[in-house]
Amino acid sequence: MRPEKKSIVEQIRNEVKGSLFVILTDYRGLTVSQTEDLRNRLHGVQAHVRVVKNRMFRHVAREMNYDMEETLKGPSAMIVGDGDVVATAKVLKDFIRENKLPVLKVGALEGVILSADDVKKLADLPPKPVMQAQLLGTLAAPMTQLMGVMQQKMASIVYVLKAIQEKNEKQLK
């Protein structure tokens, strides 16, 4: 392999290894202005898009044991980032809904291969803060219920003591 091609493969490798996720799309048909719009939207969620040659990406995919051979056909754009993959998937979903392009090919999230449908499903998840709040609520629910039970027991003890006090007061009169 020529030195300039080795350099390109090295750049792709560094981008893929330094990111939380990678999503490949077929960008055929996108205009320059649409591509620039997609870049701007992705920048807002800490991701970026880069056109890659399939031959170059194939080297990196093999090194990382990504089984993506069938999807490396036609022109490919690689979307990588270290932000929220769900936010990135939502940006892609909205962009595709508006422009009918690009076509999702495949993705990888922390070493796990994702199909195009998996990436679409990621876009349907609630945002990370909402999921964290739901988890916190689920974890806190048993403690809240326990506190409610304890308060009821304390209240019933207070009622019993109050009744005993009133009975004793009546007997003293």
N, C-alpha and C. Protein backbone atom coordinates (compact mmCIF):
# COMPACT_ATOMS: atom_id res chain seq x y z
N MET A 1 0.86 -1.17 0.00
CA MET A 1 0.00 0.00 0.00
C MET A 1 0.91 1.24 0.00
N ARG A 2 0.53 2.21 -0.79
CA ARG A 2 1.31 3.44 -0.89
C ARG A 2 1.23 4.23 0.42
N PRO A 3 2.26 5.03 0.71
CA PRO A 3 2.29 5.78 1.98
C PRO A 3 1.08 6.69 2.18
N GLU A 4 0.61 7.35 1.11
CA GLU A 4 -0.55 8.24 1.28
C GLU A 4 -1.81 7.46 1.62
N LYS A 5 -1.94 6.26 1.08
CA LYS A 5 -3.10 5.43 1.42
C LYS A 5 -2.99 4.91 2.85
N LYS A 6 -1.77 4.58 3.27
CA LYS A 6 -1.56 4.16 4.65
C LYS A 6 -1.94 5.29 5.60
N SER A 7 -1.63 6.50 5.21
CA SER A 7 -1.96 7.67 6.03
C SER A 7 -3.47 7.84 6.14
N ILE A 8 -4.17 7.64 5.04
CA ILE A 8 -5.64 7.76 5.06
C ILE A 8 -6.25 6.68 5.95
N VAL A 9 -5.76 5.46 5.82
CA VAL A 9 -6.25 4.36 6.65
C VAL A 9 -5.98 4.67 8.12
N GLU A 10 -4.82 5.22 8.41
CA GLU A 10 -4.47 5.58 9.79
C GLU A 10 -5.43 6.64 10.34
N GLN A 11 -5.77 7.63 9.51
CA GLN A 11 -6.72 8.66 9.94
C GLN A 11 -8.09 8.05 10.24
N ILE A 12 -8.54 7.19 9.36
CA ILE A 12 -9.84 6.52 9.58
C ILE A 12 -9.78 5.69 10.86
N ARG A 13 -8.69 4.94 11.04
CA ARG A 13 -8.53 4.11 12.23
C ARG A 13 -8.59 4.96 13.49
N ASN A 14 -7.89 6.08 13.50
CA ASN A 14 -7.88 6.95 14.67
C ASN A 14 -9.26 7.52 14.96
N GLU A 15 -9.99 7.89 13.91
CA GLU A 15 -11.34 8.42 14.11
C GLU A 15 -12.27 7.37 14.66
N VAL A 16 -12.20 6.15 14.13
CA VAL A 16 -13.09 5.08 14.57
C VAL A 16 -12.74 4.65 15.99
N LYS A 17 -11.45 4.49 16.28
CA LYS A 17 -11.04 4.06 17.63
C LYS A 17 -11.30 5.14 18.66
N GLY A 18 -11.23 6.40 18.26
CA GLY A 18 -11.44 7.49 19.20
C GLY A 18 -12.89 7.89 19.39
N SER A 19 -13.80 7.16 18.77
CA SER A 19 -15.21 7.53 18.89
C SER A 19 -16.00 6.41 19.55
N LEU A 20 -17.13 6.79 20.07
CA LEU A 20 -18.02 5.84 20.74
C LEU A 20 -18.79 5.00 19.72
N PHE A 21 -19.07 5.58 18.57
CA PHE A 21 -19.88 4.89 17.57
C PHE A 21 -19.40 5.26 16.17
N VAL A 22 -19.81 4.46 15.21
CA VAL A 22 -19.59 4.75 13.79
C VAL A 22 -20.85 4.29 13.04
N ILE A 23 -21.31 5.14 12.14
CA ILE A 23 -22.47 4.82 11.32
C ILE A 23 -22.07 5.06 9.86
N LEU A 24 -22.32 4.08 9.00
CA LEU A 24 -22.03 4.23 7.58
C LEU A 24 -23.33 4.49 6.82
N THR A 25 -23.26 5.42 5.88
CA THR A 25 -24.41 5.75 5.05
C THR A 25 -23.99 5.78 3.60
N ASP A 26 -24.95 5.64 2.72
CA ASP A 26 -24.74 5.84 1.29
C ASP A 26 -25.21 7.26 0.99
N TYR A 27 -24.27 8.13 0.66
CA TYR A 27 -24.57 9.55 0.51
C TYR A 27 -24.95 9.94 -0.91
N ARG A 28 -25.08 8.97 -1.81
CA ARG A 28 -25.41 9.27 -3.21
C ARG A 28 -26.66 10.13 -3.30
N GLY A 29 -26.57 11.19 -4.10
CA GLY A 29 -27.73 12.05 -4.32
C GLY A 29 -27.76 13.29 -3.45
N LEU A 30 -26.94 13.35 -2.41
CA LEU A 30 -26.92 14.53 -1.56
C LEU A 30 -26.23 15.69 -2.29
N THR A 31 -26.84 16.84 -2.23
CA THR A 31 -26.22 18.02 -2.81
C THR A 31 -25.19 18.58 -1.83
N VAL A 32 -24.39 19.51 -2.29
CA VAL A 32 -23.38 20.13 -1.44
C VAL A 32 -24.06 20.85 -0.28
N SER A 33 -25.14 21.57 -0.54
CA SER A 33 -25.82 22.30 0.53
C SER A 33 -26.46 21.34 1.54
N GLN A 34 -27.00 20.22 1.07
CA GLN A 34 -27.56 19.23 2.00
C GLN A 34 -26.47 18.60 2.85
N THR A 35 -25.33 18.32 2.24
CA THR A 35 -24.21 17.75 2.97
C THR A 35 -23.73 18.73 4.04
N GLU A 36 -23.65 20.00 3.69
CA GLU A 36 -23.22 21.01 4.64
C GLU A 36 -24.24 21.14 5.79
N ASP A 37 -25.52 21.05 5.46
CA ASP A 37 -26.57 21.09 6.48
C ASP A 37 -26.43 19.90 7.44
N LEU A 38 -26.18 18.72 6.88
CA LEU A 38 -25.99 17.53 7.71
C LEU A 38 -24.77 17.69 8.61
N ARG A 39 -23.69 18.20 8.07
CA ARG A 39 -22.47 18.43 8.86
C ARG A 39 -22.76 19.36 10.04
N ASN A 40 -23.49 20.44 9.77
CA ASN A 40 -23.82 21.40 10.82
C ASN A 40 -24.69 20.78 11.90
N ARG A 41 -25.68 20.00 11.49
CA ARG A 41 -26.56 19.35 12.47
C ARG A 41 -25.79 18.36 13.33
N LEU A 42 -24.91 17.58 12.69
CA LEU A 42 -24.13 16.59 13.42
C LEU A 42 -23.13 17.25 14.37
N HIS A 43 -22.61 18.38 13.95
CA HIS A 43 -21.67 19.11 14.81
C HIS A 43 -22.34 19.49 16.14
N GLY A 44 -23.64 19.77 16.09
CA GLY A 44 -24.38 20.13 17.30
C GLY A 44 -24.51 19.00 18.29
N VAL A 45 -24.31 17.76 17.86
CA VAL A 45 -24.41 16.60 18.76
C VAL A 45 -23.06 15.88 18.89
N GLN A 46 -21.98 16.61 18.67
CA GLN A 46 -20.62 16.11 18.81
C GLN A 46 -20.33 14.93 17.91
N ALA A 47 -20.74 15.04 16.66
CA ALA A 47 -20.46 14.01 15.66
C ALA A 47 -20.06 14.71 14.37
N HIS A 48 -19.40 13.96 13.51
CA HIS A 48 -19.07 14.54 12.21
C HIS A 48 -19.11 13.46 11.14
N VAL A 49 -19.27 13.92 9.91
CA VAL A 49 -19.39 13.02 8.77
C VAL A 49 -18.18 13.20 7.88
N ARG A 50 -17.76 12.09 7.30
CA ARG A 50 -16.60 12.11 6.41
C ARG A 50 -16.81 11.05 5.34
N VAL A 51 -16.58 11.43 4.09
CA VAL A 51 -16.65 10.47 2.99
C VAL A 51 -15.41 9.59 3.05
N VAL A 52 -15.62 8.29 2.95
CA VAL A 52 -14.50 7.35 2.99
C VAL A 52 -14.60 6.38 1.82
N LYS A 53 -13.44 5.93 1.39
CA LYS A 53 -13.41 4.88 0.36
C LYS A 53 -13.63 3.54 1.07
N ASN A 54 -14.44 2.71 0.47
CA ASN A 54 -14.74 1.42 1.08
C ASN A 54 -13.48 0.58 1.29
N ARG A 55 -12.55 0.64 0.33
CA ARG A 55 -11.31 -0.14 0.47
C ARG A 55 -10.55 0.28 1.72
N MET A 56 -10.50 1.59 1.96
CA MET A 56 -9.77 2.09 3.12
C MET A 56 -10.50 1.71 4.42
N PHE A 57 -11.81 1.88 4.42
CA PHE A 57 -12.57 1.55 5.62
C PHE A 57 -12.53 0.04 5.90
N ARG A 58 -12.48 -0.76 4.84
CA ARG A 58 -12.45 -2.21 4.98
C ARG A 58 -11.25 -2.65 5.83
N HIS A 59 -10.08 -2.02 5.63
CA HIS A 59 -8.89 -2.35 6.42
C HIS A 59 -9.15 -2.14 7.91
N VAL A 60 -9.73 -0.99 8.22
CA VAL A 60 -10.01 -0.66 9.62
C VAL A 60 -11.06 -1.61 10.19
N ALA A 61 -12.11 -1.90 9.43
CA ALA A 61 -13.17 -2.80 9.89
C ALA A 61 -12.61 -4.18 10.19
N ARG A 62 -11.72 -4.66 9.36
CA ARG A 62 -11.12 -5.98 9.61
C ARG A 62 -10.28 -5.97 10.88
N GLU A 63 -9.50 -4.91 11.07
CA GLU A 63 -8.67 -4.81 12.27
C GLU A 63 -9.51 -4.82 13.53
N MET A 64 -10.68 -4.19 13.47
CA MET A 64 -11.53 -4.07 14.65
C MET A 64 -12.57 -5.18 14.73
N ASN A 65 -12.47 -6.16 13.84
CA ASN A 65 -13.40 -7.30 13.80
C ASN A 65 -14.84 -6.88 13.59
N TYR A 66 -15.05 -5.83 12.79
CA TYR A 66 -16.39 -5.41 12.41
C TYR A 66 -16.79 -6.19 11.17
N ASP A 67 -17.87 -6.92 11.25
CA ASP A 67 -18.36 -7.69 10.11
C ASP A 67 -19.27 -6.80 9.27
N MET A 68 -18.66 -6.05 8.35
CA MET A 68 -19.41 -5.09 7.55
C MET A 68 -19.19 -5.30 6.06
N GLU A 69 -18.65 -6.42 5.66
CA GLU A 69 -18.27 -6.65 4.27
C GLU A 69 -19.43 -6.44 3.29
N GLU A 70 -20.61 -6.97 3.62
CA GLU A 70 -21.74 -6.89 2.67
C GLU A 70 -22.19 -5.46 2.45
N THR A 71 -22.01 -4.61 3.44
CA THR A 71 -22.53 -3.25 3.34
C THR A 71 -21.53 -2.28 2.71
N LEU A 72 -20.31 -2.71 2.51
CA LEU A 72 -19.31 -1.82 1.93
C LEU A 72 -19.36 -1.85 0.41
N LYS A 73 -20.49 -1.43 -0.11
CA LYS A 73 -20.71 -1.33 -1.55
C LYS A 73 -21.30 0.04 -1.82
N GLY A 74 -20.91 0.65 -2.91
CA GLY A 74 -21.40 1.99 -3.23
C GLY A 74 -20.68 3.02 -2.39
N PRO A 75 -20.91 4.28 -2.66
CA PRO A 75 -20.21 5.33 -1.92
C PRO A 75 -20.62 5.34 -0.45
N SER A 76 -19.65 5.58 0.41
CA SER A 76 -19.91 5.54 1.85
C SER A 76 -19.46 6.82 2.53
N ALA A 77 -20.28 7.25 3.46
CA ALA A 77 -19.93 8.35 4.35
C ALA A 77 -19.95 7.78 5.76
N MET A 78 -18.92 8.11 6.52
CA MET A 78 -18.76 7.60 7.87
C MET A 78 -19.13 8.71 8.86
N ILE A 79 -20.02 8.39 9.78
CA ILE A 79 -20.39 9.34 10.83
C ILE A 79 -19.84 8.78 12.13
N VAL A 80 -18.98 9.56 12.77
CA VAL A 80 -18.38 9.14 14.04
C VAL A 80 -18.57 10.25 15.06
N GLY A 81 -18.47 9.87 16.31
CA GLY A 81 -18.59 10.87 17.37
C GLY A 81 -18.42 10.25 18.72
N ASP A 82 -18.24 11.12 19.71
CA ASP A 82 -18.13 10.64 21.07
C ASP A 82 -19.20 11.26 21.95
N GLY A 83 -20.23 11.81 21.30
CA GLY A 83 -21.37 12.35 22.02
C GLY A 83 -22.42 11.26 22.21
N ASP A 84 -23.65 11.68 22.31
CA ASP A 84 -24.77 10.77 22.52
C ASP A 84 -25.18 10.14 21.19
N VAL A 85 -25.07 8.82 21.09
CA VAL A 85 -25.41 8.12 19.85
C VAL A 85 -26.91 8.26 19.54
N VAL A 86 -27.73 8.33 20.58
CA VAL A 86 -29.18 8.49 20.37
C VAL A 86 -29.47 9.85 19.73
N ALA A 87 -28.81 10.89 20.22
CA ALA A 87 -29.00 12.23 19.64
C ALA A 87 -28.54 12.25 18.19
N THR A 88 -27.43 11.58 17.91
CA THR A 88 -26.93 11.51 16.53
C THR A 88 -27.93 10.76 15.65
N ALA A 89 -28.46 9.65 16.14
CA ALA A 89 -29.44 8.88 15.37
C ALA A 89 -30.70 9.70 15.12
N LYS A 90 -31.11 10.52 16.10
CA LYS A 90 -32.28 11.39 15.91
C LYS A 90 -32.01 12.44 14.84
N VAL A 91 -30.81 13.02 14.85
CA VAL A 91 -30.45 14.00 13.82
C VAL A 91 -30.51 13.35 12.44
N LEU A 92 -29.94 12.16 12.33
CA LEU A 92 -29.97 11.44 11.06
C LEU A 92 -31.39 11.12 10.63
N LYS A 93 -32.20 10.65 11.56
CA LYS A 93 -33.59 10.29 11.25
C LYS A 93 -34.35 11.51 10.74
N ASP A 94 -34.20 12.66 11.42
CA ASP A 94 -34.87 13.88 10.99
C ASP A 94 -34.37 14.33 9.62
N PHE A 95 -33.07 14.26 9.41
CA PHE A 95 -32.49 14.68 8.13
C PHE A 95 -32.99 13.79 7.00
N ILE A 96 -33.02 12.48 7.24
CA ILE A 96 -33.49 11.53 6.23
C ILE A 96 -34.98 11.75 5.94
N ARG A 97 -35.76 12.05 6.98
CA ARG A 97 -37.19 12.30 6.77
C ARG A 97 -37.40 13.52 5.88
N GLU A 98 -36.59 14.56 6.08
CA GLU A 98 -36.72 15.79 5.30
C GLU A 98 -36.19 15.65 3.88
N ASN A 99 -35.07 14.92 3.71
CA ASN A 99 -34.37 14.89 2.42
C ASN A 99 -34.43 13.56 1.69
N LYS A 100 -34.96 12.53 2.34
CA LYS A 100 -35.01 11.17 1.78
C LYS A 100 -33.62 10.58 1.55
N LEU A 101 -32.60 11.23 2.03
CA LEU A 101 -31.21 10.80 1.91
C LEU A 101 -30.47 11.21 3.17
N PRO A 102 -29.38 10.64 3.54
CA PRO A 102 -28.68 9.49 2.98
C PRO A 102 -29.35 8.18 3.41
N VAL A 103 -28.91 7.10 2.80
CA VAL A 103 -29.44 5.78 3.12
C VAL A 103 -28.52 5.14 4.16
N LEU A 104 -29.10 4.72 5.27
CA LEU A 104 -28.31 4.06 6.31
C LEU A 104 -27.84 2.69 5.83
N LYS A 105 -26.59 2.38 6.11
CA LYS A 105 -26.04 1.07 5.75
C LYS A 105 -25.88 0.18 6.99
N VAL A 106 -25.01 0.62 7.89
CA VAL A 106 -24.65 -0.19 9.05
C VAL A 106 -24.03 0.73 10.10
N GLY A 107 -23.93 0.23 11.31
CA GLY A 107 -23.30 1.01 12.36
C GLY A 107 -22.61 0.10 13.35
N ALA A 108 -21.87 0.72 14.25
CA ALA A 108 -21.23 -0.01 15.34
C ALA A 108 -21.25 0.90 16.56
N LEU A 109 -21.62 0.32 17.68
CA LEU A 109 -21.68 1.05 18.94
C LEU A 109 -20.86 0.28 19.97
N GLU A 110 -19.76 0.87 20.39
CA GLU A 110 -18.86 0.24 21.35
C GLU A 110 -18.53 -1.20 20.95
N GLY A 111 -18.24 -1.40 19.67
CA GLY A 111 -17.82 -2.71 19.18
C GLY A 111 -18.93 -3.64 18.75
N VAL A 112 -20.18 -3.27 18.98
CA VAL A 112 -21.32 -4.11 18.60
C VAL A 112 -21.86 -3.61 17.26
N ILE A 113 -22.01 -4.51 16.30
CA ILE A 113 -22.50 -4.14 14.98
C ILE A 113 -24.00 -3.88 15.05
N LEU A 114 -24.43 -2.79 14.42
CA LEU A 114 -25.84 -2.41 14.37
C LEU A 114 -26.30 -2.40 12.92
N SER A 115 -27.46 -2.98 12.68
CA SER A 115 -28.04 -2.91 11.34
C SER A 115 -28.65 -1.52 11.15
N ALA A 116 -29.07 -1.23 9.93
CA ALA A 116 -29.72 0.06 9.66
C ALA A 116 -30.98 0.19 10.52
N ASP A 117 -31.72 -0.91 10.70
CA ASP A 117 -32.92 -0.87 11.54
C ASP A 117 -32.57 -0.59 13.00
N ASP A 118 -31.45 -1.13 13.47
CA ASP A 118 -31.02 -0.87 14.84
C ASP A 118 -30.73 0.61 15.04
N VAL A 119 -30.10 1.23 14.06
CA VAL A 119 -29.79 2.66 14.15
C VAL A 119 -31.10 3.45 14.18
N LYS A 120 -32.08 3.04 13.38
CA LYS A 120 -33.39 3.71 13.38
C LYS A 120 -34.07 3.55 14.74
N LYS A 121 -33.93 2.38 15.35
CA LYS A 121 -34.53 2.14 16.67
C LYS A 121 -33.87 3.02 17.74
N LEU A 122 -32.56 3.23 17.59
CA LEU A 122 -31.87 4.13 18.53
C LEU A 122 -32.50 5.52 18.50
N ALA A 123 -32.90 5.95 17.30
CA ALA A 123 -33.49 7.29 17.16
C ALA A 123 -34.83 7.40 17.88
N ASP A 124 -35.49 6.27 18.10
CA ASP A 124 -36.79 6.28 18.76
C ASP A 124 -36.68 6.27 20.29
N LEU A 125 -35.47 6.05 20.81
CA LEU A 125 -35.29 6.06 22.26
C LEU A 125 -35.43 7.49 22.80
N PRO A 126 -35.86 7.60 24.05
CA PRO A 126 -35.90 8.94 24.65
C PRO A 126 -34.48 9.46 24.86
N PRO A 127 -34.32 10.77 25.01
CA PRO A 127 -32.98 11.32 25.25
C PRO A 127 -32.36 10.77 26.53
N LYS A 128 -31.06 10.82 26.61
CA LYS A 128 -30.31 10.26 27.74
C LYS A 128 -30.77 10.81 29.09
N PRO A 129 -30.99 12.13 29.26
CA PRO A 129 -31.44 12.63 30.56
C PRO A 129 -32.80 12.05 30.97
N VAL A 130 -33.69 11.83 30.01
CA VAL A 130 -35.00 11.25 30.30
C VAL A 130 -34.83 9.81 30.77
N MET A 131 -33.97 9.06 30.09
CA MET A 131 -33.74 7.66 30.48
C MET A 131 -33.09 7.59 31.87
N GLN A 132 -32.19 8.52 32.16
CA GLN A 132 -31.57 8.55 33.48
C GLN A 132 -32.61 8.86 34.56
N ALA A 133 -33.51 9.78 34.27
CA ALA A 133 -34.57 10.12 35.23
C ALA A 133 -35.50 8.92 35.45
N GLN A 134 -35.82 8.19 34.38
CA GLN A 134 -36.67 7.01 34.52
C GLN A 134 -35.98 5.95 35.38
N LEU A 135 -34.69 5.76 35.16
CA LEU A 135 -33.95 4.78 35.95
C LEU A 135 -33.91 5.21 37.42
N LEU A 136 -33.65 6.47 37.65
CA LEU A 136 -33.62 6.97 39.02
C LEU A 136 -34.97 6.80 39.70
N GLY A 137 -36.05 7.09 38.97
CA GLY A 137 -37.39 6.90 39.52
C GLY A 137 -37.67 5.44 39.85
N THR A 138 -37.22 4.55 38.99
CA THR A 138 -37.40 3.11 39.23
C THR A 138 -36.63 2.66 40.45
N LEU A 139 -35.41 3.17 40.59
CA LEU A 139 -34.60 2.80 41.75
C LEU A 139 -35.14 3.40 43.04
N ALA A 140 -35.70 4.59 42.97
CA ALA A 140 -36.19 5.28 44.16
C ALA A 140 -37.57 4.80 44.60
N ALA A 141 -38.34 4.18 43.72
CA ALA A 141 -39.71 3.78 44.03
C ALA A 141 -39.81 2.87 45.26
N PRO A 142 -39.00 1.82 45.38
CA PRO A 142 -39.12 0.97 46.58
C PRO A 142 -38.84 1.74 47.87
N MET A 143 -37.86 2.64 47.82
CA MET A 143 -37.55 3.42 49.03
C MET A 143 -38.71 4.35 49.38
N THR A 144 -39.33 4.94 48.38
CA THR A 144 -40.46 5.83 48.61
C THR A 144 -41.63 5.05 49.21
N GLN A 145 -41.87 3.86 48.69
CA GLN A 145 -42.95 3.03 49.22
C GLN A 145 -42.65 2.60 50.66
N LEU A 146 -41.39 2.27 50.93
CA LEU A 146 -41.01 1.89 52.28
C LEU A 146 -41.23 3.05 53.25
N MET A 147 -40.87 4.25 52.84
CA MET A 147 -41.08 5.42 53.69
C MET A 147 -42.57 5.63 53.95
N GLY A 148 -43.41 5.41 52.94
CA GLY A 148 -44.85 5.54 53.12
C GLY A 148 -45.38 4.55 54.14
N VAL A 149 -44.92 3.31 54.06
CA VAL A 149 -45.34 2.27 55.00
C VAL A 149 -44.88 2.63 56.42
N MET A 150 -43.64 3.09 56.53
CA MET A 150 -43.11 3.46 57.86
C MET A 150 -43.90 4.63 58.45
N GLN A 151 -44.27 5.59 57.64
CA GLN A 151 -45.04 6.73 58.12
C GLN A 151 -46.42 6.29 58.58
N GLN A 152 -47.03 5.36 57.85
CA GLN A 152 -48.33 4.85 58.26
C GLN A 152 -48.24 4.13 59.60
N LYS A 153 -47.19 3.35 59.79
CA LYS A 153 -47.01 2.63 61.06
C LYS A 153 -46.81 3.62 62.21
N MET A 154 -46.00 4.64 61.95
CA MET A 154 -45.78 5.68 62.97
C MET A 154 -47.09 6.38 63.30
N ALA A 155 -47.89 6.67 62.28
CA ALA A 155 -49.17 7.35 62.51
C ALA A 155 -50.11 6.46 63.33
N SER A 156 -50.14 5.17 63.04
CA SER A 156 -51.02 4.28 63.80
C SER A 156 -50.56 4.16 65.25
N ILE A 157 -49.25 4.17 65.50
CA ILE A 157 -48.74 4.16 66.88
C ILE A 157 -49.17 5.43 67.60
N VAL A 158 -49.07 6.57 66.92
CA VAL A 158 -49.49 7.84 67.50
C VAL A 158 -50.97 7.80 67.83
N TYR A 159 -51.81 7.26 66.95
CA TYR A 159 -53.25 7.16 67.19
C TYR A 159 -53.53 6.29 68.42
N VAL A 160 -52.81 5.17 68.54
CA VAL A 160 -53.00 4.27 69.69
C VAL A 160 -52.61 5.00 70.98
N LEU A 161 -51.47 5.68 70.97
CA LEU A 161 -51.04 6.43 72.16
C LEU A 161 -52.02 7.54 72.51
N LYS A 162 -52.54 8.21 71.51
CA LYS A 162 -53.53 9.27 71.73
C LYS A 162 -54.79 8.69 72.35
N ALA A 163 -55.22 7.53 71.84
CA ALA A 163 -56.41 6.89 72.40
C ALA A 163 -56.19 6.47 73.86
N ILE A 164 -55.00 5.96 74.16
CA ILE A 164 -54.69 5.56 75.54
C ILE A 164 -54.68 6.80 76.43
N GLN A 165 -54.11 7.89 75.93
CA GLN A 165 -54.07 9.14 76.71
C GLN A 165 -55.48 9.64 77.00
N GLU A 166 -56.36 9.63 76.01
CA GLU A 166 -57.73 10.12 76.21
C GLU A 166 -58.47 9.19 77.18
N LYS A 167 -58.23 7.90 77.10
CA LYS A 167 -58.88 6.96 78.02
C LYS A 167 -58.41 7.21 79.45
N ASN A 168 -57.12 7.44 79.62
CA ASN A 168 -56.58 7.70 80.96
C ASN A 168 -57.13 9.01 81.50
N GLU A 169 -57.26 10.01 80.65
CA GLU A 169 -57.80 11.31 81.09
C GLU A 169 -59.26 11.15 81.54
N LYS A 170 -60.05 10.35 80.85
CA LYS A 170 -61.45 10.13 81.20
C LYS A 170 -61.54 9.40 82.56
N GLN A 171 -60.62 8.46 82.79
CA GLN A 171 -60.65 7.70 84.04
C GLN A 171 -60.24 8.58 85.22
N LEU A 172 -59.37 9.53 85.00
CA LEU A 172 -58.95 10.42 86.07
C LEU A 172 -60.04 11.40 86.45
N LYS A 173 -60.96 11.70 85.61
CA LYS A 173 -62.04 12.68 85.89
C LYS A 173 -63.11 12.08 86.66
